[in-house]
Amino acid sequence: SQKIKVWIVDVGHFPHIREKHRASSAPTTVINDRVQIV
């Protein structure tokens, strides 16, 4: 589905993304900036 946009993000290179989502474990999957799946 082209309705879905995916980003695979290495938080070692982008720590601000980890901080934005308050993620403490990998993988953490974030959907629409609200659902978080660990």
Full PDB file with SEQRES, HELIX, SHEET, SSBOND, CRYST1, ORIGX, SCALE, CONECT and MASTER records, all heavy atoms in Angstrom:
SEQRES   1 A   38  SER GLN LYS ILE LYS VAL TRP ILE VAL ASP VAL GLY HIS          
SEQRES   2 A   38  PHE PRO HIS ILE ARG GLU LYS HIS ARG ALA SER SER ALA          
SEQRES   3 A   38  PRO THR THR VAL ILE ASN ASP ARG VAL GLN ILE VAL              
HELIX    1 AA1 PRO A   15  HIS A   21  1                                   7    
SHEET    1 AA1 2 THR A  29  ILE A  31  0                                        
SHEET    2 AA1 2 VAL A  35  ILE A  37 -1                                        
CRYST1    1.000    1.000    1.000  90.00  90.00  90.00 P 1           1          
ORIGX1      1.000000  0.000000  0.000000        0.00000                         
ORIGX2      0.000000  1.000000  0.000000        0.00000                         
ORIGX3      0.000000  0.000000  1.000000        0.00000                         
SCALE1      1.000000  0.000000  0.000000        0.00000                         
SCALE2      0.000000  1.000000  0.000000        0.00000                         
SCALE3      0.000000  0.000000  1.000000        0.00000                         
ATOM      1  N   SER A   1       0.829  -1.208   0.000  1.00  0.00           N  
ATOM      2  CA  SER A   1       0.000   0.000   0.000  1.00  0.00           C  
ATOM      3  C   SER A   1       0.861   1.254   0.000  1.00  0.00           C  
ATOM      4  O   SER A   1       1.713   1.422   0.873  1.00  0.00           O  
ATOM      5  CB  SER A   1      -0.918   0.029   1.228  1.00  0.00           C  
ATOM      6  OG  SER A   1      -1.604   1.265   1.306  1.00  0.00           O  
ATOM      7  N   GLN A   2       0.604   2.123  -0.960  1.00  0.00           N  
ATOM      8  CA  GLN A   2       1.319   3.388  -0.985  1.00  0.00           C  
ATOM      9  C   GLN A   2       0.795   4.364   0.055  1.00  0.00           C  
ATOM     10  O   GLN A   2       1.363   5.449   0.231  1.00  0.00           O  
ATOM     11  CB  GLN A   2       1.255   4.013  -2.387  1.00  0.00           C  
ATOM     12  CG  GLN A   2       1.982   3.163  -3.423  1.00  0.00           C  
ATOM     13  CD  GLN A   2       2.489   3.975  -4.591  1.00  0.00           C  
ATOM     14  OE1 GLN A   2       3.287   4.890  -4.431  1.00  0.00           O  
ATOM     15  NE2 GLN A   2       2.018   3.651  -5.784  1.00  0.00           N  
ATOM     16  N   LYS A   3      -0.269   3.981   0.756  1.00  0.00           N  
ATOM     17  CA  LYS A   3      -0.731   4.785   1.881  1.00  0.00           C  
ATOM     18  C   LYS A   3       0.240   4.682   3.062  1.00  0.00           C  
ATOM     19  O   LYS A   3       0.207   5.506   3.978  1.00  0.00           O  
ATOM     20  CB  LYS A   3      -2.117   4.309   2.347  1.00  0.00           C  
ATOM     21  CG  LYS A   3      -3.241   4.561   1.352  1.00  0.00           C  
ATOM     22  CD  LYS A   3      -3.580   6.040   1.276  1.00  0.00           C  
ATOM     23  CE  LYS A   3      -4.806   6.266   0.407  1.00  0.00           C  
ATOM     24  NZ  LYS A   3      -5.115   7.710   0.278  1.00  0.00           N  
ATOM     25  N   ILE A   4       1.083   3.646   3.039  1.00  0.00           N  
ATOM     26  CA  ILE A   4       2.010   3.407   4.143  1.00  0.00           C  
ATOM     27  C   ILE A   4       3.398   3.913   3.775  1.00  0.00           C  
ATOM     28  O   ILE A   4       3.957   3.527   2.755  1.00  0.00           O  
ATOM     29  CB  ILE A   4       2.071   1.909   4.498  1.00  0.00           C  
ATOM     30  CG1 ILE A   4       0.698   1.428   4.976  1.00  0.00           C  
ATOM     31  CG2 ILE A   4       3.128   1.648   5.571  1.00  0.00           C  
ATOM     32  CD1 ILE A   4       0.637  -0.046   5.282  1.00  0.00           C  
ATOM     33  N   LYS A   5       3.952   4.764   4.609  1.00  0.00           N  
ATOM     34  CA  LYS A   5       5.313   5.265   4.451  1.00  0.00           C  
ATOM     35  C   LYS A   5       6.158   4.702   5.582  1.00  0.00           C  
ATOM     36  O   LYS A   5       5.805   4.852   6.757  1.00  0.00           O  
ATOM     37  CB  LYS A   5       5.327   6.798   4.491  1.00  0.00           C  
ATOM     38  CG  LYS A   5       6.713   7.419   4.456  1.00  0.00           C  
ATOM     39  CD  LYS A   5       7.436   7.142   3.160  1.00  0.00           C  
ATOM     40  CE  LYS A   5       8.806   7.824   3.116  1.00  0.00           C  
ATOM     41  NZ  LYS A   5       9.559   7.472   1.890  1.00  0.00           N  
ATOM     42  N   VAL A   6       7.255   4.046   5.243  1.00  0.00           N  
ATOM     43  CA  VAL A   6       8.098   3.364   6.221  1.00  0.00           C  
ATOM     44  C   VAL A   6       9.463   4.028   6.321  1.00  0.00           C  
ATOM     45  O   VAL A   6      10.079   4.370   5.306  1.00  0.00           O  
ATOM     46  CB  VAL A   6       8.267   1.869   5.852  1.00  0.00           C  
ATOM     47  CG1 VAL A   6       9.383   1.228   6.661  1.00  0.00           C  
ATOM     48  CG2 VAL A   6       6.963   1.127   6.083  1.00  0.00           C  
ATOM     49  N   TRP A   7       9.913   4.173   7.550  1.00  0.00           N  
ATOM     50  CA  TRP A   7      11.282   4.605   7.837  1.00  0.00           C  
ATOM     51  C   TRP A   7      11.925   3.593   8.766  1.00  0.00           C  
ATOM     52  O   TRP A   7      11.382   3.294   9.842  1.00  0.00           O  
ATOM     53  CB  TRP A   7      11.294   5.978   8.520  1.00  0.00           C  
ATOM     54  CG  TRP A   7      10.993   7.108   7.591  1.00  0.00           C  
ATOM     55  CD1 TRP A   7       9.769   7.593   7.250  1.00  0.00           C  
ATOM     56  CD2 TRP A   7      11.954   7.875   6.861  1.00  0.00           C  
ATOM     57  NE1 TRP A   7       9.908   8.622   6.352  1.00  0.00           N  
ATOM     58  CE2 TRP A   7      11.225   8.827   6.101  1.00  0.00           C  
ATOM     59  CE3 TRP A   7      13.354   7.874   6.782  1.00  0.00           C  
ATOM     60  CZ2 TRP A   7      11.845   9.750   5.268  1.00  0.00           C  
ATOM     61  CZ3 TRP A   7      13.970   8.793   5.958  1.00  0.00           C  
ATOM     62  CH2 TRP A   7      13.225   9.717   5.212  1.00  0.00           C  
ATOM     63  N   ILE A   8      13.048   3.029   8.335  1.00  0.00           N  
ATOM     64  CA  ILE A   8      13.870   2.183   9.202  1.00  0.00           C  
ATOM     65  C   ILE A   8      14.976   3.088   9.748  1.00  0.00           C  
ATOM     66  O   ILE A   8      15.785   3.610   8.972  1.00  0.00           O  
ATOM     67  CB  ILE A   8      14.472   0.984   8.444  1.00  0.00           C  
ATOM     68  CG1 ILE A   8      13.389   0.253   7.628  1.00  0.00           C  
ATOM     69  CG2 ILE A   8      15.193   0.052   9.404  1.00  0.00           C  
ATOM     70  CD1 ILE A   8      12.260  -0.312   8.447  1.00  0.00           C  
ATOM     71  N   VAL A   9      15.001   3.287  11.059  1.00  0.00           N  
ATOM     72  CA  VAL A   9      15.873   4.299  11.659  1.00  0.00           C  
ATOM     73  C   VAL A   9      16.828   3.658  12.668  1.00  0.00           C  
ATOM     74  O   VAL A   9      16.379   3.028  13.637  1.00  0.00           O  
ATOM     75  CB  VAL A   9      15.045   5.394  12.363  1.00  0.00           C  
ATOM     76  CG1 VAL A   9      15.968   6.488  12.917  1.00  0.00           C  
ATOM     77  CG2 VAL A   9      14.011   5.987  11.422  1.00  0.00           C  
ATOM     78  N   ASP A  10      18.119   3.823  12.441  1.00  0.00           N  
ATOM     79  CA  ASP A  10      19.124   3.378  13.406  1.00  0.00           C  
ATOM     80  C   ASP A  10      19.281   4.482  14.444  1.00  0.00           C  
ATOM     81  O   ASP A  10      19.837   5.550  14.163  1.00  0.00           O  
ATOM     82  CB  ASP A  10      20.459   3.120  12.692  1.00  0.00           C  
ATOM     83  CG  ASP A  10      21.516   2.527  13.620  1.00  0.00           C  
ATOM     84  OD1 ASP A  10      21.383   2.668  14.852  1.00  0.00           O  
ATOM     85  OD2 ASP A  10      22.488   1.940  13.108  1.00  0.00           O  
ATOM     86  N   VAL A  11      18.798   4.233  15.662  1.00  0.00           N  
ATOM     87  CA  VAL A  11      18.818   5.282  16.681  1.00  0.00           C  
ATOM     88  C   VAL A  11      20.228   5.557  17.190  1.00  0.00           C  
ATOM     89  O   VAL A  11      20.451   6.552  17.872  1.00  0.00           O  
ATOM     90  CB  VAL A  11      17.880   4.932  17.862  1.00  0.00           C  
ATOM     91  CG1 VAL A  11      16.435   4.948  17.407  1.00  0.00           C  
ATOM     92  CG2 VAL A  11      18.248   3.592  18.482  1.00  0.00           C  
ATOM     93  N   GLY A  12      21.177   4.688  16.833  1.00  0.00           N  
ATOM     94  CA  GLY A  12      22.567   5.000  17.151  1.00  0.00           C  
ATOM     95  C   GLY A  12      23.047   6.216  16.382  1.00  0.00           C  
ATOM     96  O   GLY A  12      23.886   6.992  16.862  1.00  0.00           O  
ATOM     97  N   HIS A  13      22.521   6.404  15.174  1.00  0.00           N  
ATOM     98  CA  HIS A  13      22.849   7.566  14.356  1.00  0.00           C  
ATOM     99  C   HIS A  13      21.873   8.724  14.568  1.00  0.00           C  
ATOM    100  O   HIS A  13      22.205   9.879  14.274  1.00  0.00           O  
ATOM    101  CB  HIS A  13      22.857   7.186  12.870  1.00  0.00           C  
ATOM    102  CG  HIS A  13      23.993   6.299  12.471  1.00  0.00           C  
ATOM    103  ND1 HIS A  13      25.295   6.744  12.380  1.00  0.00           N  
ATOM    104  CD2 HIS A  13      24.027   4.982  12.153  1.00  0.00           C  
ATOM    105  CE1 HIS A  13      26.081   5.749  12.006  1.00  0.00           C  
ATOM    106  NE2 HIS A  13      25.334   4.661  11.857  1.00  0.00           N  
ATOM    107  N   PHE A  14      20.666   8.402  15.041  1.00  0.00           N  
ATOM    108  CA  PHE A  14      19.643   9.431  15.214  1.00  0.00           C  
ATOM    109  C   PHE A  14      19.060   9.365  16.632  1.00  0.00           C  
ATOM    110  O   PHE A  14      17.890   9.014  16.817  1.00  0.00           O  
ATOM    111  CB  PHE A  14      18.533   9.252  14.172  1.00  0.00           C  
ATOM    112  CG  PHE A  14      18.999   9.393  12.754  1.00  0.00           C  
ATOM    113  CD1 PHE A  14      19.381   8.274  12.022  1.00  0.00           C  
ATOM    114  CD2 PHE A  14      19.071  10.643  12.151  1.00  0.00           C  
ATOM    115  CE1 PHE A  14      19.822   8.399  10.710  1.00  0.00           C  
ATOM    116  CE2 PHE A  14      19.509  10.780  10.847  1.00  0.00           C  
ATOM    117  CZ  PHE A  14      19.888   9.663  10.126  1.00  0.00           C  
ATOM    118  N   PRO A  15      19.854   9.699  17.634  1.00  0.00           N  
ATOM    119  CA  PRO A  15      19.365   9.606  19.022  1.00  0.00           C  
ATOM    120  C   PRO A  15      18.176  10.528  19.295  1.00  0.00           C  
ATOM    121  O   PRO A  15      17.368  10.244  20.182  1.00  0.00           O  
ATOM    122  CB  PRO A  15      20.587  10.009  19.858  1.00  0.00           C  
ATOM    123  CG  PRO A  15      21.484  10.761  18.918  1.00  0.00           C  
ATOM    124  CD  PRO A  15      21.258  10.143  17.576  1.00  0.00           C  
ATOM    125  N   HIS A  16      18.056  11.613  18.530  1.00  0.00           N  
ATOM    126  CA  HIS A  16      16.925  12.518  18.768  1.00  0.00           C  
ATOM    127  C   HIS A  16      15.589  11.856  18.421  1.00  0.00           C  
ATOM    128  O   HIS A  16      14.556  12.215  18.996  1.00  0.00           O  
ATOM    129  CB  HIS A  16      17.094  13.820  17.965  1.00  0.00           C  
ATOM    130  CG  HIS A  16      16.985  13.665  16.491  1.00  0.00           C  
ATOM    131  ND1 HIS A  16      17.994  13.105  15.716  1.00  0.00           N  
ATOM    132  CD2 HIS A  16      15.970  13.969  15.620  1.00  0.00           C  
ATOM    133  CE1 HIS A  16      17.609  13.099  14.452  1.00  0.00           C  
ATOM    134  NE2 HIS A  16      16.395  13.613  14.366  1.00  0.00           N  
ATOM    135  N   ILE A  17      15.620  10.880  17.509  1.00  0.00           N  
ATOM    136  CA  ILE A  17      14.385  10.145  17.185  1.00  0.00           C  
ATOM    137  C   ILE A  17      14.012   9.233  18.355  1.00  0.00           C  
ATOM    138  O   ILE A  17      12.840   9.119  18.726  1.00  0.00           O  
ATOM    139  CB  ILE A  17      14.557   9.331  15.893  1.00  0.00           C  
ATOM    140  CG1 ILE A  17      14.875  10.252  14.714  1.00  0.00           C  
ATOM    141  CG2 ILE A  17      13.306   8.501  15.608  1.00  0.00           C  
ATOM    142  CD1 ILE A  17      13.775  11.236  14.375  1.00  0.00           C  
ATOM    143  N   ARG A  18      15.011   8.593  18.942  1.00  0.00           N  
ATOM    144  CA  ARG A  18      14.750   7.760  20.134  1.00  0.00           C  
ATOM    145  C   ARG A  18      14.182   8.621  21.261  1.00  0.00           C  
ATOM    146  O   ARG A  18      13.212   8.241  21.927  1.00  0.00           O  
ATOM    147  CB  ARG A  18      16.048   7.088  20.593  1.00  0.00           C  
ATOM    148  CG  ARG A  18      15.865   6.199  21.837  1.00  0.00           C  
ATOM    149  CD  ARG A  18      17.187   5.681  22.357  1.00  0.00           C  
ATOM    150  NE  ARG A  18      18.039   6.775  22.799  1.00  0.00           N  
ATOM    151  CZ  ARG A  18      19.289   6.967  22.377  1.00  0.00           C  
ATOM    152  NH1 ARG A  18      19.833   6.138  21.512  1.00  0.00           N  
ATOM    153  NH2 ARG A  18      19.998   7.984  22.829  1.00  0.00           N  
ATOM    154  N   GLU A  19      14.772   9.793  21.474  1.00  0.00           N  
ATOM    155  CA  GLU A  19      14.309  10.679  22.543  1.00  0.00           C  
ATOM    156  C   GLU A  19      12.904  11.208  22.258  1.00  0.00           C  
ATOM    157  O   GLU A  19      12.075  11.330  23.170  1.00  0.00           O  
ATOM    158  CB  GLU A  19      15.298  11.834  22.719  1.00  0.00           C  
ATOM    159  CG  GLU A  19      16.655  11.380  23.257  1.00  0.00           C  
ATOM    160  CD  GLU A  19      17.746  12.413  23.050  1.00  0.00           C  
ATOM    161  OE1 GLU A  19      17.423  13.548  22.636  1.00  0.00           O  
ATOM    162  OE2 GLU A  19      18.924  12.087  23.316  1.00  0.00           O  
ATOM    163  N   LYS A  20      12.632  11.515  21.000  1.00  0.00           N  
ATOM    164  CA  LYS A  20      11.310  12.020  20.628  1.00  0.00           C  
ATOM    165  C   LYS A  20      10.220  11.033  21.013  1.00  0.00           C  
ATOM    166  O   LYS A  20       9.157  11.422  21.534  1.00  0.00           O  
ATOM    167  CB  LYS A  20      11.266  12.271  19.114  1.00  0.00           C  
ATOM    168  CG  LYS A  20       9.873  12.593  18.583  1.00  0.00           C  
ATOM    169  CD  LYS A  20       9.854  12.607  17.058  1.00  0.00           C  
ATOM    170  CE  LYS A  20       8.435  12.756  16.518  1.00  0.00           C  
ATOM    171  NZ  LYS A  20       8.388  12.671  15.040  1.00  0.00           N  
ATOM    172  N   HIS A  21      10.477   9.744  20.767  1.00  0.00           N  
ATOM    173  CA  HIS A  21       9.472   8.718  21.054  1.00  0.00           C  
ATOM    174  C   HIS A  21       9.643   8.096  22.438  1.00  0.00           C  
ATOM    175  O   HIS A  21       8.890   7.189  22.796  1.00  0.00           O  
ATOM    176  CB  HIS A  21       9.534   7.625  19.988  1.00  0.00           C  
ATOM    177  CG  HIS A  21       9.171   8.099  18.613  1.00  0.00           C  
ATOM    178  ND1 HIS A  21       7.941   8.648  18.327  1.00  0.00           N  
ATOM    179  CD2 HIS A  21       9.882   8.130  17.444  1.00  0.00           C  
ATOM    180  CE1 HIS A  21       7.894   8.988  17.045  1.00  0.00           C  
ATOM    181  NE2 HIS A  21       9.057   8.680  16.491  1.00  0.00           N  
ATOM    182  N   ARG A  22      10.645   8.549  23.177  1.00  0.00           N  
ATOM    183  CA  ARG A  22      10.936   8.016  24.520  1.00  0.00           C  
ATOM    184  C   ARG A  22      11.118   6.497  24.462  1.00  0.00           C  
ATOM    185  O   ARG A  22      10.653   5.762  25.350  1.00  0.00           O  
ATOM    186  CB  ARG A  22       9.818   8.392  25.503  1.00  0.00           C  
ATOM    187  CG  ARG A  22       9.553   9.897  25.606  1.00  0.00           C  
ATOM    188  CD  ARG A  22       8.371  10.179  26.527  1.00  0.00           C  
ATOM    189  NE  ARG A  22       8.092  11.597  26.648  1.00  0.00           N  
ATOM    190  CZ  ARG A  22       7.227  12.269  25.900  1.00  0.00           C  
ATOM    191  NH1 ARG A  22       6.564  11.626  24.941  1.00  0.00           N  
ATOM    192  NH2 ARG A  22       7.015  13.546  26.075  1.00  0.00           N  
ATOM    193  N   ALA A  23      11.767   6.037  23.406  1.00  0.00           N  
ATOM    194  CA  ALA A  23      11.964   4.591  23.199  1.00  0.00           C  
ATOM    195  C   ALA A  23      13.150   4.106  24.014  1.00  0.00           C  
ATOM    196  O   ALA A  23      14.210   4.731  24.013  1.00  0.00           O  
ATOM    197  CB  ALA A  23      12.187   4.298  21.730  1.00  0.00           C  
ATOM    198  N   SER A  24      12.976   2.979  24.696  1.00  0.00           N  
ATOM    199  CA  SER A  24      14.046   2.434  25.529  1.00  0.00           C  
ATOM    200  C   SER A  24      14.498   1.052  25.082  1.00  0.00           C  
ATOM    201  O   SER A  24      15.458   0.511  25.628  1.00  0.00           O  
ATOM    202  CB  SER A  24      13.588   2.372  26.994  1.00  0.00           C  
ATOM    203  OG  SER A  24      12.418   1.586  27.125  1.00  0.00           O  
ATOM    204  N   SER A  25      13.816   0.471  24.097  1.00  0.00           N  
ATOM    205  CA  SER A  25      14.162  -0.869  23.617  1.00  0.00           C  
ATOM    206  C   SER A  25      14.109  -0.907  22.104  1.00  0.00           C  
ATOM    207  O   SER A  25      13.441  -0.092  21.471  1.00  0.00           O  
ATOM    208  CB  SER A  25      13.197  -1.919  24.180  1.00  0.00           C  
ATOM    209  OG  SER A  25      13.210  -1.929  25.585  1.00  0.00           O  
ATOM    210  N   ALA A  26      14.846  -1.874  21.535  1.00  0.00           N  
ATOM    211  CA  ALA A  26      14.822  -2.079  20.088  1.00  0.00           C  
ATOM    212  C   ALA A  26      14.413  -3.527  19.808  1.00  0.00           C  
ATOM    213  O   ALA A  26      14.825  -4.435  20.525  1.00  0.00           O  
ATOM    214  CB  ALA A  26      16.188  -1.784  19.486  1.00  0.00           C  
ATOM    215  N   PRO A  27      13.589  -3.722  18.767  1.00  0.00           N  
ATOM    216  CA  PRO A  27      12.980  -2.659  17.957  1.00  0.00           C  
ATOM    217  C   PRO A  27      11.788  -2.028  18.649  1.00  0.00           C  
ATOM    218  O   PRO A  27      11.054  -2.695  19.377  1.00  0.00           O  
ATOM    219  CB  PRO A  27      12.530  -3.409  16.697  1.00  0.00           C  
ATOM    220  CG  PRO A  27      12.191  -4.786  17.208  1.00  0.00           C  
ATOM    221  CD  PRO A  27      13.194  -5.077  18.294  1.00  0.00           C  
ATOM    222  N   THR A  28      11.603  -0.746  18.418  1.00  0.00           N  
ATOM    223  CA  THR A  28      10.359  -0.066  18.775  1.00  0.00           C  
ATOM    224  C   THR A  28       9.733   0.409  17.476  1.00  0.00           C  
ATOM    225  O   THR A  28      10.376   1.125  16.704  1.00  0.00           O  
ATOM    226  CB  THR A  28      10.614   1.121  19.713  1.00  0.00           C  
ATOM    227  OG1 THR A  28      11.072   0.652  20.988  1.00  0.00           O  
ATOM    228  CG2 THR A  28       9.326   1.926  19.917  1.00  0.00           C  
ATOM    229  N   THR A  29       8.516  -0.011  17.232  1.00  0.00           N  
ATOM    230  CA  THR A  29       7.806   0.362  16.004  1.00  0.00           C  
ATOM    231  C   THR A  29       6.749   1.402  16.347  1.00  0.00           C  
ATOM    232  O   THR A  29       5.886   1.159  17.193  1.00  0.00           O  
ATOM    233  CB  THR A  29       7.159  -0.873  15.357  1.00  0.00           C  
ATOM    234  OG1 THR A  29       8.170  -1.849  15.093  1.00  0.00           O  
ATOM    235  CG2 THR A  29       6.465  -0.508  14.056  1.00  0.00           C  
ATOM    236  N   VAL A  30       6.840   2.554  15.705  1.00  0.00           N  
ATOM    237  CA  VAL A  30       5.948   3.679  15.996  1.00  0.00           C  
ATOM    238  C   VAL A  30       5.019   3.889  14.799  1.00  0.00           C  
ATOM    239  O   VAL A  30       5.483   4.047  13.671  1.00  0.00           O  
ATOM    240  CB  VAL A  30       6.756   4.960  16.270  1.00  0.00           C  
ATOM    241  CG1 VAL A  30       5.818   6.109  16.639  1.00  0.00           C  
ATOM    242  CG2 VAL A  30       7.788   4.729  17.377  1.00  0.00           C  
ATOM    243  N   ILE A  31       3.719   3.901  15.062  1.00  0.00           N  
ATOM    244  CA  ILE A  31       2.724   4.078  14.004  1.00  0.00           C  
ATOM    245  C   ILE A  31       2.014   5.415  14.198  1.00  0.00           C  
ATOM    246  O   ILE A  31       1.417   5.654  15.253  1.00  0.00           O  
ATOM    247  CB  ILE A  31       1.687   2.940  14.008  1.00  0.00           C  
ATOM    248  CG1 ILE A  31       2.383   1.573  13.901  1.00  0.00           C  
ATOM    249  CG2 ILE A  31       0.677   3.117  12.871  1.00  0.00           C  
ATOM    250  CD1 ILE A  31       1.450   0.387  14.073  1.00  0.00           C  
ATOM    251  N   ASN A  32       2.125   6.269  13.189  1.00  0.00           N  
ATOM    252  CA  ASN A  32       1.470   7.583  13.213  1.00  0.00           C  
ATOM    253  C   ASN A  32       1.784   8.372  14.477  1.00  0.00           C  
ATOM    254  O   ASN A  32       0.941   9.094  15.009  1.00  0.00           O  
ATOM    255  CB  ASN A  32      -0.037   7.452  13.025  1.00  0.00           C  
ATOM    256  CG  ASN A  32      -0.415   7.296  11.560  1.00  0.00           C  
ATOM    257  OD1 ASN A  32       0.446   7.138  10.697  1.00  0.00           O  
ATOM    258  ND2 ASN A  32      -1.700   7.320  11.276  1.00  0.00           N  
ATOM    259  N   ASP A  33       3.000   8.209  14.960  1.00  0.00           N  
ATOM    260  CA  ASP A  33       3.490   8.989  16.096  1.00  0.00           C  
ATOM    261  C   ASP A  33       2.674   8.766  17.368  1.00  0.00           C  
ATOM    262  O   ASP A  33       2.664   9.615  18.262  1.00  0.00           O  
ATOM    263  CB  ASP A  33       3.504  10.486  15.738  1.00  0.00           C  
ATOM    264  CG  ASP A  33       4.449  11.283  16.633  1.00  0.00           C  
ATOM    265  OD1 ASP A  33       5.383  10.680  17.190  1.00  0.00           O  
ATOM    266  OD2 ASP A  33       4.245  12.507  16.779  1.00  0.00           O  
ATOM    267  N   ARG A  34       1.975   7.607  17.462  1.00  0.00           N  
ATOM    268  CA  ARG A  34       1.232   7.357  18.693  1.00  0.00           C  
ATOM    269  C   ARG A  34       1.318   5.912  19.157  1.00  0.00           C  
ATOM    270  O   ARG A  34       1.698   5.661  20.302  1.00  0.00           O  
ATOM    271  CB  ARG A  34      -0.226   7.798  18.582  1.00  0.00           C  
ATOM    272  CG  ARG A  34      -1.009   7.330  17.391  1.00  0.00           C  
ATOM    273  CD  ARG A  34      -2.492   7.756  17.501  1.00  0.00           C  
ATOM    274  NE  ARG A  34      -2.627   9.175  17.796  1.00  0.00           N  
ATOM    275  CZ  ARG A  34      -3.761   9.747  18.194  1.00  0.00           C  
ATOM    276  NH1 ARG A  34      -4.843   9.010  18.356  1.00  0.00           N  
ATOM    277  NH2 ARG A  34      -3.826  11.038  18.431  1.00  0.00           N  
ATOM    278  N   VAL A  35       0.997   4.935  18.314  1.00  0.00           N  
ATOM    279  CA  VAL A  35       1.165   3.536  18.716  1.00  0.00           C  
ATOM    280  C   VAL A  35       2.648   3.215  18.808  1.00  0.00           C  
ATOM    281  O   VAL A  35       3.434   3.577  17.940  1.00  0.00           O  
ATOM    282  CB  VAL A  35       0.500   2.587  17.701  1.00  0.00           C  
ATOM    283  CG1 VAL A  35       0.918   1.143  17.949  1.00  0.00           C  
ATOM    284  CG2 VAL A  35      -1.016   2.716  17.761  1.00  0.00           C  
ATOM    285  N   GLN A  36       3.032   2.515  19.875  1.00  0.00           N  
ATOM    286  CA  GLN A  36       4.408   2.050  20.013  1.00  0.00           C  
ATOM    287  C   GLN A  36       4.396   0.561  20.335  1.00  0.00           C  
ATOM    288  O   GLN A  36       3.790   0.141  21.313  1.00  0.00           O  
ATOM    289  CB  GLN A  36       5.152   2.826  21.096  1.00  0.00           C  
ATOM    290  CG  GLN A  36       5.442   4.262  20.722  1.00  0.00           C  
ATOM    291  CD  GLN A  36       6.382   4.956  21.696  1.00  0.00           C  
ATOM    292  OE1 GLN A  36       6.986   4.321  22.547  1.00  0.00           O  
ATOM    293  NE2 GLN A  36       6.500   6.254  21.565  1.00  0.00           N  
ATOM    294  N   ILE A  37       5.068  -0.209  19.498  1.00  0.00           N  
ATOM    295  CA  ILE A  37       5.173  -1.658  19.679  1.00  0.00           C  
ATOM    296  C   ILE A  37       6.617  -1.980  20.003  1.00  0.00           C  
ATOM    297  O   ILE A  37       7.529  -1.642  19.245  1.00  0.00           O  
ATOM    298  CB  ILE A  37       4.761  -2.406  18.399  1.00  0.00           C  
ATOM    299  CG1 ILE A  37       3.358  -1.998  17.954  1.00  0.00           C  
ATOM    300  CG2 ILE A  37       4.855  -3.912  18.598  1.00  0.00           C  
ATOM    301  CD1 ILE A  37       3.028  -2.414  16.527  1.00  0.00           C  
ATOM    302  N   VAL A  38       6.840  -2.623  21.127  1.00  0.00           N  
ATOM    303  CA  VAL A  38       8.191  -3.017  21.522  1.00  0.00           C  
ATOM    304  C   VAL A  38       8.379  -4.489  21.197  1.00  0.00           C  
ATOM    305  O   VAL A  38       7.570  -5.330  21.581  1.00  0.00           O  
ATOM    306  CB  VAL A  38       8.428  -2.757  23.021  1.00  0.00           C  
ATOM    307  CG1 VAL A  38       9.800  -3.263  23.442  1.00  0.00           C  
ATOM    308  CG2 VAL A  38       8.310  -1.268  23.328  1.00  0.00           C  
TER     309      VAL A  38                                                      
MASTER        0    0    0    1    2    0    0    6  308    1    0    3          
END                                                                             
